[in-house]
Amino acid sequence: MALRASKITAIDFFDDLTSPYARKRFFWVFFAFGVLCCITLYLILSLLPHGGLRDVAKEVVVELLASVVIILAFYVLYTTFIGPNAGLTEVSVTRPKDIAERVQSLPIGARHYTFWGRAGSYFRARPLIELDEQSRKDKLTTDIEVVLPDPADLRLTASYQEILASLGENSLGNPLLANVLATSIACAIIDANNKYIRIRLFYSKFLPAFRVDISENGAILTQDDPAKSALFFESNSEFYEMFRTTVRNEMNVSREVKWDKTLFVGRQLNEKCCDPGTLAAFGLENCATEELQQEVAKLIKGRRHRYK
C-alpha cells in the first residue's frame, strides 16, 4: 500500500510540472543548487587540508550533487518515455502564471475564435490583434464571435461595478459601458479593414462570472482575478463541446449588434478612432459625451489588461 501511494505521489508531482511556470522554476532551482554544489566542492578541494573534515565535507557535497543529477535525469526520462496521465490531460488546471501563455496559444492557426466575457480587455489587446495579423499573413478567412454584456442594462452595470470594487479597482462612472464600447469599436475596425476577418458581435443580458476563449486549439475558462487559476479544456473533450454549445445558446438569446462598416473603414486602433459617430454606431444611448469618448479612446490605445 505504501509503495502504491508513493507511486501515485510521484506521478502527481511530475504531472504538476507540466505547468511551464512550475517547470521553469523547478529546473532553475535545481540548476542553481547544482552550481552551488560544484562551487562548494571546488572550495573544499582547494582550501581545506587533507584530513577527515575534508573527506566528510567532500562526500556530503558529492552526494547532494549526485541527488540533483538523478532528480533531473529521472524527470527527463519520465517526460520522454512515460509522460503525464493521458486520462487527465483533457481537462487541466492552469496556474495563474500560465494563463497568458495558454490564451496566447489559442489564436495560433485558428480559423474560428469565440470569446464570451465581460470587459474584453485582454481579448481586444492580444487575441483579436493576433487573429487580425495572422489572417492577413495567411490570407485565410477567420470567423470571430464575441459575446459581451449589454451595457444598456442597469442591472449589469451595477453588478460590474460591484465586481470591480471587490477587486480593488476603480469603478467610477460606467466602466462596463466604456469597456464594451472599446471592444466593440476594436472589433468593428478590424472587421471593416480586413477582408479575411468576419466578426459577429452580441450584447447579452447576462453578466458571466468568468470569461471563455474557444478555438480549434481548445477552450480556457478564466476569472477576472489574475491571482486565481483557470481551467483548460482540450478540443477533443466533452467539456469543450459543452462550453461551445453554452456560448451558442447564449448567442441565440442575445441581441446581435449591427453597425455601418463605412464608419470604420480606414481607421486604426488609436485615439482618433473614437468619436461621436463611432460611439453611437452600436445602438447604445448616452454615448456622445466627451468624458466617455476620452475614456474609450484611452482603453483602445492603452490596451490595459490583467494578464501580463
Protein backbone atom coordinates (compact mmCIF):
# COMPACT_ATOMS: atom_id res chain seq x y z
CA MET A 1 0.00 0.00 0.00
CA ALA A 2 2.84 2.37 0.92
CA LEU A 3 4.60 1.65 -2.39
CA ARG A 4 1.39 2.26 -4.31
CA ALA A 5 0.83 5.57 -2.55
CA SER A 6 4.40 6.66 -3.23
CA LYS A 7 4.00 5.86 -6.94
CA ILE A 8 0.83 7.93 -7.16
CA THR A 9 2.51 10.80 -5.33
CA ALA A 10 5.48 10.69 -7.68
CA ILE A 11 3.25 10.72 -10.76
CA ASP A 12 1.18 13.61 -9.39
CA PHE A 13 4.39 15.50 -8.64
CA PHE A 14 5.71 15.19 -12.17
CA ASP A 15 2.28 15.83 -13.69
CA ASP A 16 2.29 19.11 -11.79
CA LEU A 17 5.47 20.05 -13.65
CA THR A 18 3.56 20.15 -16.92
CA SER A 19 2.94 23.77 -15.95
CA PRO A 20 5.52 25.89 -17.84
CA TYR A 21 5.90 28.21 -14.85
CA ALA A 22 6.43 25.31 -12.42
CA ARG A 23 8.78 23.56 -14.84
CA LYS A 24 10.97 26.62 -15.28
CA ARG A 25 11.12 27.21 -11.55
CA PHE A 26 11.88 23.51 -10.93
CA PHE A 27 14.82 23.40 -13.33
CA TRP A 28 16.29 26.77 -12.37
CA VAL A 29 16.18 25.95 -8.66
CA PHE A 30 17.86 22.58 -9.12
CA PHE A 31 20.33 24.00 -11.63
CA ALA A 32 21.29 26.76 -9.21
CA PHE A 33 21.62 24.21 -6.41
CA GLY A 34 23.85 22.05 -8.62
CA VAL A 35 26.08 25.02 -9.46
CA LEU A 36 26.30 25.86 -5.76
CA CYS A 37 27.36 22.27 -5.02
CA CYS A 38 30.07 22.46 -7.70
CA ILE A 39 31.41 25.73 -6.30
CA THR A 40 31.36 24.34 -2.78
CA LEU A 41 33.17 21.18 -3.89
CA TYR A 42 35.82 23.27 -5.63
CA LEU A 43 36.37 25.37 -2.50
CA ILE A 44 36.60 22.25 -0.32
CA LEU A 45 39.23 20.67 -2.56
CA SER A 46 41.14 23.95 -2.88
CA LEU A 47 41.06 25.33 0.63
CA LEU A 48 40.66 22.50 3.13
CA PRO A 49 43.74 20.50 4.04
CA HIS A 50 43.78 16.72 3.65
CA GLY A 51 42.11 15.01 6.55
CA GLY A 52 38.86 13.72 7.99
CA LEU A 53 36.97 17.03 7.77
CA ARG A 54 37.87 17.44 4.09
CA ASP A 55 36.75 13.91 3.26
CA VAL A 56 33.43 14.22 5.11
CA ALA A 57 32.62 17.61 3.54
CA LYS A 58 33.54 16.30 0.09
CA GLU A 59 31.34 13.22 0.47
CA VAL A 60 28.34 15.27 1.62
CA VAL A 61 28.60 17.70 -1.30
CA VAL A 62 29.16 14.90 -3.83
CA GLU A 63 26.05 13.09 -2.54
CA LEU A 64 23.96 16.25 -2.84
CA LEU A 65 25.23 16.89 -6.36
CA ALA A 66 24.51 13.29 -7.35
CA SER A 67 20.95 13.64 -5.99
CA VAL A 68 20.37 16.73 -8.11
CA VAL A 69 21.60 14.95 -11.23
CA ILE A 70 19.42 11.90 -10.51
CA ILE A 71 16.28 14.01 -9.98
CA LEU A 72 16.76 15.92 -13.23
CA ALA A 73 17.64 12.76 -15.14
CA PHE A 74 14.60 10.93 -13.79
CA TYR A 75 12.30 13.78 -14.80
CA VAL A 76 13.75 13.80 -18.33
CA LEU A 77 13.23 10.04 -18.62
CA TYR A 78 9.70 10.34 -17.25
CA THR A 79 8.62 13.05 -19.66
CA THR A 80 10.31 11.29 -22.60
CA PHE A 81 9.06 7.73 -22.16
CA ILE A 82 6.03 7.91 -19.85
CA GLY A 83 4.55 11.39 -19.82
CA PRO A 84 1.61 12.68 -17.78
CA ASN A 85 -1.56 10.72 -17.21
CA ALA A 86 -3.33 10.91 -20.56
CA GLY A 87 -6.70 10.47 -18.91
CA LEU A 88 -6.28 13.76 -17.06
CA THR A 89 -4.96 15.95 -19.88
CA GLU A 90 -8.35 16.66 -21.45
CA VAL A 91 -9.09 19.00 -18.55
CA SER A 92 -6.21 20.65 -16.72
CA VAL A 93 -5.87 23.32 -14.07
CA THR A 94 -3.82 26.24 -15.36
CA ARG A 95 -1.75 28.18 -12.85
CA PRO A 96 -2.19 31.98 -12.77
CA LYS A 97 1.35 32.42 -14.13
CA ASP A 98 0.49 30.21 -17.13
CA ILE A 99 -2.86 31.74 -18.12
CA ALA A 100 -1.43 34.32 -20.52
CA GLU A 101 0.61 31.65 -22.32
CA ARG A 102 -2.45 29.40 -22.62
CA VAL A 103 -4.65 32.18 -24.02
CA GLN A 104 -1.91 33.28 -26.42
CA SER A 105 -1.75 29.76 -27.87
CA LEU A 106 -5.46 29.66 -28.77
CA PRO A 107 -5.36 32.02 -31.81
CA ILE A 108 -2.39 30.21 -33.40
CA GLY A 109 -3.63 28.69 -36.64
CA ALA A 110 -7.26 29.23 -35.59
CA ARG A 111 -9.94 29.85 -38.20
CA HIS A 112 -12.77 30.15 -35.69
CA TYR A 113 -12.46 32.01 -32.39
CA THR A 114 -15.16 32.67 -29.80
CA PHE A 115 -14.97 34.99 -26.81
CA TRP A 116 -17.55 35.34 -24.06
CA GLY A 117 -16.74 37.63 -21.19
CA ARG A 118 -17.37 40.98 -19.55
CA ALA A 119 -14.98 43.81 -20.47
CA GLY A 120 -12.99 42.04 -23.16
CA SER A 121 -9.84 44.00 -22.21
CA TYR A 122 -7.45 41.10 -22.80
CA PHE A 123 -9.33 39.87 -25.86
CA ARG A 124 -9.04 43.20 -27.67
CA ALA A 125 -5.43 43.64 -26.52
CA ARG A 126 -3.98 40.29 -27.65
CA PRO A 127 -6.11 37.54 -29.30
CA LEU A 128 -8.04 39.93 -31.54
CA ILE A 129 -4.84 41.60 -32.75
CA GLU A 130 -3.11 38.27 -33.33
CA LEU A 131 -6.07 36.90 -35.28
CA ASP A 132 -6.08 40.02 -37.45
CA GLU A 133 -2.36 39.78 -38.23
CA GLN A 134 -2.49 36.02 -38.78
CA SER A 135 -5.41 36.16 -41.21
CA ARG A 136 -3.68 38.87 -43.26
CA LYS A 137 -0.47 36.85 -43.40
CA ASP A 138 -2.12 33.52 -44.27
CA LYS A 139 -4.86 35.07 -46.44
CA LEU A 140 -7.43 32.72 -44.92
CA THR A 141 -10.87 33.66 -43.61
CA THR A 142 -11.25 33.72 -39.84
CA ASP A 143 -14.63 33.82 -38.11
CA ILE A 144 -14.79 35.55 -34.73
CA GLU A 145 -17.75 35.61 -32.37
CA VAL A 146 -17.85 37.97 -29.41
CA VAL A 147 -20.45 37.95 -26.64
CA LEU A 148 -20.44 40.90 -24.21
CA PRO A 149 -22.90 42.04 -21.54
CA ASP A 150 -25.36 44.70 -22.67
CA PRO A 151 -24.17 47.99 -21.08
CA ALA A 152 -27.67 49.44 -21.52
CA ASP A 153 -28.93 47.07 -18.81
CA LEU A 154 -28.59 48.92 -15.49
CA ARG A 155 -28.60 45.66 -13.54
CA LEU A 156 -25.47 44.52 -15.36
CA THR A 157 -23.64 47.83 -14.94
CA ALA A 158 -24.33 47.82 -11.20
CA SER A 159 -23.11 44.23 -10.86
CA TYR A 160 -19.98 45.03 -12.87
CA GLN A 161 -19.16 47.95 -10.56
CA GLU A 162 -19.51 45.64 -7.56
CA ILE A 163 -17.10 43.17 -9.15
CA LEU A 164 -14.51 45.88 -9.79
CA ALA A 165 -14.88 47.15 -6.24
CA SER A 166 -14.27 43.64 -4.88
CA LEU A 167 -11.04 43.50 -6.93
CA GLY A 168 -9.94 46.88 -5.58
CA GLU A 169 -10.19 48.58 -8.97
CA ASN A 170 -11.61 51.96 -9.94
CA SER A 171 -15.33 51.75 -10.66
CA LEU A 172 -16.20 55.43 -11.21
CA GLY A 173 -18.72 56.31 -13.91
CA ASN A 174 -19.87 53.43 -16.08
CA PRO A 175 -16.80 51.21 -16.66
CA LEU A 176 -18.88 48.48 -18.30
CA LEU A 177 -20.14 50.86 -20.98
CA ALA A 178 -16.62 52.20 -21.66
CA ASN A 179 -15.10 48.72 -21.94
CA VAL A 180 -17.88 47.25 -24.08
CA LEU A 181 -17.64 50.23 -26.44
CA ALA A 182 -13.84 49.87 -26.63
CA THR A 183 -14.11 46.19 -27.51
CA SER A 184 -16.97 46.85 -29.96
CA ILE A 185 -15.03 49.58 -31.77
CA ALA A 186 -11.92 47.39 -31.93
CA CYS A 187 -13.99 44.58 -33.48
CA ALA A 188 -15.65 46.96 -35.96
CA ILE A 189 -12.34 48.46 -37.11
CA ILE A 190 -10.71 45.08 -37.72
CA ASP A 191 -13.84 43.73 -39.41
CA ALA A 192 -14.05 46.76 -41.73
CA ASN A 193 -10.38 46.82 -42.71
CA ASN A 194 -9.52 43.14 -43.04
CA LYS A 195 -11.37 41.21 -45.76
CA TYR A 196 -10.27 37.92 -44.21
CA ILE A 197 -11.96 38.63 -40.85
CA ARG A 198 -15.68 38.13 -40.20
CA ILE A 199 -16.85 39.26 -36.78
CA ARG A 200 -20.25 38.76 -35.17
CA LEU A 201 -20.91 40.76 -32.01
CA PHE A 202 -23.64 40.07 -29.46
CA TYR A 203 -24.88 42.01 -26.41
CA SER A 204 -26.13 39.62 -23.75
CA LYS A 205 -28.50 40.17 -20.83
CA PHE A 206 -26.21 38.06 -18.66
CA LEU A 207 -23.08 39.07 -16.77
CA PRO A 208 -20.88 35.96 -16.54
CA ALA A 209 -18.70 35.26 -13.53
CA PHE A 210 -15.99 34.05 -15.91
CA ARG A 211 -14.60 34.50 -19.39
CA VAL A 212 -14.35 31.80 -22.05
CA ASP A 213 -11.96 31.75 -25.02
CA ILE A 214 -12.56 28.98 -27.56
CA SER A 215 -10.75 28.00 -30.74
CA GLU A 216 -9.78 24.79 -32.52
CA ASN A 217 -6.84 24.61 -30.12
CA GLY A 218 -9.03 24.24 -27.03
CA ALA A 219 -11.00 26.33 -24.56
CA ILE A 220 -9.93 28.15 -21.43
CA LEU A 221 -12.20 29.23 -18.59
CA THR A 222 -10.74 32.13 -16.59
CA GLN A 223 -11.78 34.58 -13.88
CA ASP A 224 -11.16 38.31 -13.68
CA ASP A 225 -8.82 37.89 -10.73
CA PRO A 226 -5.37 37.12 -12.22
CA ALA A 227 -4.32 35.50 -8.93
CA LYS A 228 -6.82 32.66 -9.45
CA SER A 229 -6.27 29.54 -11.53
CA ALA A 230 -8.06 28.72 -14.79
CA LEU A 231 -9.36 25.55 -16.44
CA PHE A 232 -8.14 24.44 -19.86
CA PHE A 233 -10.16 22.02 -22.00
CA GLU A 234 -8.68 20.10 -24.92
CA SER A 235 -10.67 20.35 -28.16
CA ASN A 236 -11.45 16.63 -28.09
CA SER A 237 -13.06 16.70 -24.64
CA GLU A 238 -16.76 16.63 -23.89
CA PHE A 239 -16.36 19.77 -21.77
CA TYR A 240 -15.06 21.65 -24.80
CA GLU A 241 -18.26 20.81 -26.67
CA MET A 242 -20.31 21.72 -23.61
CA PHE A 243 -18.85 25.24 -23.43
CA ARG A 244 -19.13 25.75 -27.16
CA THR A 245 -22.81 24.78 -27.01
CA THR A 246 -23.33 27.05 -24.00
CA VAL A 247 -21.91 30.03 -25.87
CA ARG A 248 -24.03 29.21 -28.92
CA ASN A 249 -27.15 29.14 -26.76
CA GLU A 250 -26.24 32.49 -25.22
CA MET A 251 -25.76 33.98 -28.68
CA ASN A 252 -29.21 32.75 -29.71
CA VAL A 253 -30.90 34.67 -26.88
CA SER A 254 -28.75 37.79 -27.18
CA ARG A 255 -29.02 40.84 -29.42
CA GLU A 256 -26.73 40.68 -32.42
CA VAL A 257 -25.17 44.08 -32.95
CA LYS A 258 -25.04 45.55 -36.44
CA TRP A 259 -23.09 48.65 -37.46
CA ASP A 260 -22.31 50.76 -40.50
CA LYS A 261 -18.95 49.47 -41.74
CA THR A 262 -18.25 52.65 -43.67
CA LEU A 263 -17.80 54.48 -40.36
CA PHE A 264 -14.75 52.35 -39.58
CA VAL A 265 -13.05 51.94 -42.97
CA GLY A 266 -9.51 53.33 -42.89
CA ARG A 267 -9.44 53.74 -39.12
CA GLN A 268 -6.78 52.32 -36.83
CA LEU A 269 -6.79 51.30 -33.17
CA ASN A 270 -5.79 54.68 -31.74
CA GLU A 271 -7.39 57.67 -30.07
CA LYS A 272 -8.63 59.08 -33.38
CA CYS A 273 -10.88 56.07 -33.98
CA CYS A 274 -13.14 57.16 -31.14
CA ASP A 275 -15.58 59.96 -31.96
CA PRO A 276 -19.34 60.62 -31.53
CA GLY A 277 -20.09 58.71 -34.74
CA THR A 278 -18.26 55.51 -33.82
CA LEU A 279 -19.51 55.64 -30.23
CA ALA A 280 -23.12 55.78 -31.42
CA ALA A 281 -22.67 53.09 -34.08
CA PHE A 282 -23.80 50.21 -31.85
CA GLY A 283 -27.25 51.46 -30.87
CA LEU A 284 -26.37 52.48 -27.31
CA GLU A 285 -27.78 55.69 -25.84
CA ASN A 286 -25.93 58.47 -23.98
CA CYS A 287 -22.62 57.69 -25.69
CA ALA A 288 -21.80 61.09 -27.14
CA THR A 289 -20.27 62.66 -24.02
CA GLU A 290 -16.70 63.96 -24.20
CA GLU A 291 -15.77 62.23 -20.95
CA LEU A 292 -16.84 58.83 -22.27
CA GLN A 293 -15.10 59.47 -25.57
CA GLN A 294 -11.80 60.15 -23.78
CA GLU A 295 -12.14 57.05 -21.59
CA VAL A 296 -12.92 54.74 -24.53
CA ALA A 297 -10.06 56.22 -26.57
CA LYS A 298 -7.68 55.62 -23.67
CA LEU A 299 -8.80 51.98 -23.37
CA ILE A 300 -8.36 51.37 -27.11
CA LYS A 301 -4.91 52.94 -27.28
CA GLY A 302 -3.55 51.76 -23.93
CA ARG A 303 -4.75 48.13 -24.22
CA ARG A 304 -4.58 47.60 -20.46
CA HIS A 305 -5.29 44.10 -19.21
CA ARG A 306 -4.60 41.88 -16.22
CA TYR A 307 -2.60 39.07 -17.81
CA LYS A 308 0.92 40.40 -18.31
